N, C-alpha and C. Protein backbone atom coordinates (compact mmCIF):
# COMPACT_ATOMS: atom_id res chain seq x y z
N MET A 1 78.27 122.63 91.01
CA MET A 1 78.85 121.89 89.92
C MET A 1 79.24 120.51 90.41
N GLN A 2 78.81 119.48 89.69
CA GLN A 2 79.05 118.11 90.08
C GLN A 2 80.29 117.58 89.39
N GLN A 3 81.15 116.92 90.14
CA GLN A 3 82.38 116.37 89.59
C GLN A 3 82.13 114.94 89.13
N THR A 4 82.57 114.63 87.92
CA THR A 4 82.44 113.28 87.38
C THR A 4 83.83 112.68 87.24
N THR A 5 83.97 111.44 87.69
CA THR A 5 85.24 110.73 87.59
C THR A 5 85.08 109.60 86.60
N SER A 6 86.00 109.51 85.63
CA SER A 6 85.99 108.43 84.65
C SER A 6 87.13 107.46 84.96
N PHE A 7 86.86 106.18 84.80
CA PHE A 7 87.84 105.15 85.06
C PHE A 7 88.25 104.50 83.75
N THR A 8 89.40 103.83 83.76
CA THR A 8 89.92 103.23 82.53
C THR A 8 89.07 102.06 82.04
N ASN A 9 88.24 101.49 82.90
CA ASN A 9 87.42 100.36 82.48
C ASN A 9 86.08 100.79 81.87
N GLY A 10 85.91 102.09 81.63
CA GLY A 10 84.67 102.59 81.02
C GLY A 10 83.62 103.00 82.02
N CYS A 11 83.90 102.88 83.30
CA CYS A 11 82.94 103.27 84.33
C CYS A 11 83.09 104.74 84.66
N THR A 12 82.01 105.34 85.14
CA THR A 12 82.05 106.72 85.60
C THR A 12 81.37 106.81 86.96
N ALA A 13 81.75 107.80 87.75
CA ALA A 13 81.15 108.02 89.06
C ALA A 13 80.86 109.50 89.20
N ALA A 14 79.66 109.83 89.67
CA ALA A 14 79.28 111.22 89.89
C ALA A 14 78.19 111.29 90.93
N GLY A 15 78.37 112.12 91.92
CA GLY A 15 77.32 112.39 92.89
C GLY A 15 76.80 111.18 93.65
N GLY A 16 77.65 110.22 93.97
CA GLY A 16 77.23 109.08 94.76
C GLY A 16 76.70 107.92 93.95
N THR A 17 76.65 108.02 92.61
CA THR A 17 76.23 106.90 91.78
C THR A 17 77.30 106.62 90.75
N SER A 18 77.30 105.41 90.25
CA SER A 18 78.26 105.04 89.22
C SER A 18 77.56 104.23 88.15
N SER A 19 78.17 104.18 86.98
CA SER A 19 77.64 103.35 85.91
C SER A 19 78.79 102.86 85.07
N CYS A 20 78.58 101.71 84.45
CA CYS A 20 79.60 101.10 83.59
C CYS A 20 78.97 100.78 82.25
N GLU A 21 79.69 101.11 81.18
CA GLU A 21 79.23 100.77 79.85
C GLU A 21 79.82 99.44 79.44
N GLY A 22 79.11 98.70 78.63
CA GLY A 22 79.63 97.45 78.11
C GLY A 22 79.44 96.28 79.05
N GLY A 23 78.77 96.47 80.16
CA GLY A 23 78.51 95.37 81.09
C GLY A 23 77.35 94.53 80.59
N ALA A 24 77.14 93.38 81.21
CA ALA A 24 76.08 92.47 80.78
C ALA A 24 74.71 93.10 80.95
N THR A 25 74.49 93.84 82.04
CA THR A 25 73.19 94.43 82.28
C THR A 25 73.16 95.91 82.01
N GLY A 26 74.30 96.59 82.08
CA GLY A 26 74.34 98.03 81.89
C GLY A 26 73.71 98.79 83.03
N SER A 27 73.51 98.15 84.18
CA SER A 27 72.86 98.80 85.31
C SER A 27 73.83 99.72 86.03
N SER A 28 73.29 100.61 86.84
CA SER A 28 74.14 101.51 87.62
C SER A 28 74.20 101.02 89.05
N VAL A 29 75.32 101.28 89.72
CA VAL A 29 75.53 100.87 91.09
C VAL A 29 75.46 102.12 91.96
N PRO A 30 74.46 102.24 92.86
CA PRO A 30 74.34 103.46 93.68
C PRO A 30 75.38 103.50 94.80
N ASN A 31 75.68 104.70 95.23
CA ASN A 31 76.52 104.96 96.40
C ASN A 31 77.92 104.39 96.30
N LEU A 32 78.54 104.50 95.15
CA LEU A 32 79.93 104.10 95.00
C LEU A 32 80.80 105.16 95.67
N VAL A 33 81.66 104.72 96.55
CA VAL A 33 82.55 105.64 97.25
C VAL A 33 83.88 105.63 96.50
N VAL A 34 84.27 106.79 96.00
CA VAL A 34 85.54 106.92 95.30
C VAL A 34 86.56 107.43 96.32
N ALA A 35 87.58 106.63 96.58
CA ALA A 35 88.60 107.02 97.54
C ALA A 35 89.44 108.15 96.96
N VAL A 36 89.52 109.24 97.69
CA VAL A 36 90.32 110.38 97.27
C VAL A 36 91.55 110.42 98.17
N LEU A 37 92.71 110.48 97.55
CA LEU A 37 93.96 110.53 98.32
C LEU A 37 94.46 111.96 98.38
N LEU A 38 94.86 112.38 99.57
CA LEU A 38 95.32 113.75 99.81
C LEU A 38 96.82 113.77 100.06
N ASP A 39 97.49 114.79 99.55
CA ASP A 39 98.90 114.95 99.86
C ASP A 39 99.05 115.68 101.19
N VAL A 40 100.28 115.84 101.65
CA VAL A 40 100.54 116.41 102.97
C VAL A 40 100.04 117.85 103.07
N ARG A 41 100.13 118.61 101.99
CA ARG A 41 99.66 120.00 102.03
C ARG A 41 98.15 120.07 102.22
N ALA A 42 97.42 119.20 101.55
CA ALA A 42 95.96 119.19 101.68
C ALA A 42 95.54 118.78 103.09
N VAL A 43 96.22 117.77 103.64
CA VAL A 43 95.92 117.34 105.01
C VAL A 43 96.24 118.46 105.99
N ALA A 44 97.37 119.11 105.81
CA ALA A 44 97.75 120.22 106.70
C ALA A 44 96.72 121.34 106.64
N ALA A 45 96.19 121.62 105.46
CA ALA A 45 95.17 122.67 105.33
C ALA A 45 93.88 122.26 106.04
N MET A 46 93.51 120.99 105.96
CA MET A 46 92.31 120.51 106.64
C MET A 46 92.46 120.59 108.15
N VAL A 47 93.65 120.23 108.65
CA VAL A 47 93.88 120.19 110.09
C VAL A 47 94.22 121.57 110.64
N GLY A 48 94.79 122.42 109.80
CA GLY A 48 95.15 123.77 110.24
C GLY A 48 96.52 123.83 110.88
N CYS A 49 97.47 123.08 110.34
CA CYS A 49 98.83 123.11 110.85
C CYS A 49 99.81 123.00 109.69
N SER A 50 101.09 122.89 109.99
CA SER A 50 102.12 122.82 108.94
C SER A 50 102.27 121.40 108.40
N SER A 51 102.89 121.30 107.23
CA SER A 51 103.17 120.00 106.64
C SER A 51 104.10 119.19 107.55
N ARG A 52 105.06 119.86 108.13
CA ARG A 52 106.01 119.18 109.02
C ARG A 52 105.29 118.58 110.22
N ASN A 53 104.31 119.29 110.76
CA ASN A 53 103.56 118.78 111.90
C ASN A 53 102.74 117.54 111.51
N ILE A 54 102.23 117.50 110.29
CA ILE A 54 101.51 116.32 109.82
C ILE A 54 102.44 115.12 109.80
N TYR A 55 103.67 115.30 109.29
CA TYR A 55 104.63 114.20 109.29
C TYR A 55 104.96 113.76 110.72
N ARG A 56 105.09 114.71 111.65
CA ARG A 56 105.36 114.36 113.04
C ARG A 56 104.21 113.54 113.64
N LEU A 57 102.97 113.99 113.40
CA LEU A 57 101.80 113.26 113.90
C LEU A 57 101.75 111.85 113.31
N SER A 58 102.02 111.75 112.02
CA SER A 58 101.99 110.45 111.34
C SER A 58 103.08 109.52 111.86
N ASP A 59 104.29 110.04 111.99
CA ASP A 59 105.41 109.24 112.49
C ASP A 59 105.18 108.78 113.92
N GLY A 60 104.49 109.60 114.70
CA GLY A 60 104.22 109.26 116.10
C GLY A 60 102.98 108.41 116.30
N GLY A 61 102.28 108.06 115.21
CA GLY A 61 101.08 107.23 115.33
C GLY A 61 99.89 107.97 115.90
N ARG A 62 99.89 109.29 115.79
CA ARG A 62 98.81 110.09 116.36
C ARG A 62 97.77 110.52 115.34
N MET A 63 97.84 109.95 114.14
CA MET A 63 96.83 110.21 113.12
C MET A 63 96.74 108.97 112.23
N PRO A 64 95.74 108.89 111.36
CA PRO A 64 95.61 107.70 110.50
C PRO A 64 96.87 107.46 109.68
N ARG A 65 97.14 106.18 109.42
CA ARG A 65 98.31 105.80 108.62
C ARG A 65 98.15 106.27 107.19
N PRO A 66 99.23 106.73 106.59
CA PRO A 66 99.16 107.12 105.18
C PRO A 66 99.22 105.90 104.27
N VAL A 67 98.84 106.14 103.03
CA VAL A 67 98.98 105.13 101.97
C VAL A 67 100.26 105.48 101.24
N LYS A 68 101.15 104.51 101.08
CA LYS A 68 102.40 104.77 100.39
C LYS A 68 102.34 104.14 99.01
N ILE A 69 102.55 104.97 98.00
CA ILE A 69 102.54 104.54 96.60
C ILE A 69 103.92 104.86 96.06
N GLY A 70 104.78 103.88 96.05
CA GLY A 70 106.17 104.14 95.69
C GLY A 70 106.78 105.08 96.72
N ARG A 71 107.25 106.23 96.25
CA ARG A 71 107.82 107.23 97.16
C ARG A 71 106.79 108.24 97.63
N LEU A 72 105.58 108.18 97.08
CA LEU A 72 104.53 109.13 97.45
C LEU A 72 103.88 108.72 98.77
N VAL A 73 103.51 109.71 99.56
CA VAL A 73 102.80 109.49 100.81
C VAL A 73 101.48 110.25 100.70
N ARG A 74 100.37 109.52 100.83
CA ARG A 74 99.04 110.12 100.71
C ARG A 74 98.16 109.60 101.83
N TRP A 75 97.10 110.35 102.15
CA TRP A 75 96.12 109.95 103.15
C TRP A 75 94.75 109.88 102.50
N ARG A 76 93.93 108.93 102.92
CA ARG A 76 92.55 108.83 102.43
C ARG A 76 91.73 109.96 103.04
N ARG A 77 90.99 110.65 102.19
CA ARG A 77 90.16 111.76 102.66
C ARG A 77 89.17 111.28 103.73
N THR A 78 88.57 110.11 103.52
CA THR A 78 87.59 109.61 104.48
C THR A 78 88.21 109.35 105.84
N ASP A 79 89.45 108.83 105.86
CA ASP A 79 90.14 108.58 107.13
C ASP A 79 90.42 109.88 107.87
N ILE A 80 90.88 110.89 107.15
CA ILE A 80 91.20 112.19 107.77
C ILE A 80 89.93 112.86 108.27
N GLU A 81 88.86 112.84 107.48
CA GLU A 81 87.61 113.46 107.91
C GLU A 81 87.04 112.77 109.15
N ALA A 82 87.10 111.43 109.20
CA ALA A 82 86.62 110.69 110.37
C ALA A 82 87.48 110.99 111.59
N TRP A 83 88.79 111.09 111.39
CA TRP A 83 89.71 111.38 112.48
C TRP A 83 89.44 112.77 113.05
N ILE A 84 89.22 113.74 112.19
CA ILE A 84 88.91 115.11 112.64
C ILE A 84 87.56 115.13 113.37
N ALA A 85 86.56 114.43 112.81
CA ALA A 85 85.23 114.40 113.44
C ALA A 85 85.27 113.75 114.82
N ALA A 86 86.20 112.81 115.02
CA ALA A 86 86.34 112.14 116.32
C ALA A 86 87.16 112.94 117.32
N GLY A 87 87.63 114.12 116.90
CA GLY A 87 88.39 114.96 117.82
C GLY A 87 89.90 114.71 117.76
N CYS A 88 90.38 114.13 116.68
CA CYS A 88 91.82 113.87 116.46
C CYS A 88 92.44 113.02 117.56
N PRO A 89 91.84 111.84 117.85
CA PRO A 89 92.44 110.98 118.88
C PRO A 89 93.71 110.31 118.36
N SER A 90 94.53 109.83 119.29
CA SER A 90 95.74 109.10 118.93
C SER A 90 95.33 107.79 118.27
N CYS A 91 96.04 107.37 117.24
CA CYS A 91 95.69 106.16 116.50
C CYS A 91 96.49 104.94 116.89
N ARG A 92 97.29 105.03 117.91
CA ARG A 92 98.06 103.85 118.37
C ARG A 92 97.30 103.10 119.40
């Protein structure tokens, strides 16, 4: 099952391609990367540890920096996946 993401500007993204309605050409843009933000529970599940340990790693600079949106703390999925693929090196 393919997930489709709709944006407020009339654009949609699905399976690595995107398209926008109402544009001058109406063409589609291939390989649009949609940034997915993960909460601490999702990151902990990916890494295989507790939420508290994720905060410790983050505070100590041993993992990618989170994105802060107001009081929310989130991590980019691509950053976490790259960090895990690299063997979880220290980020300082």
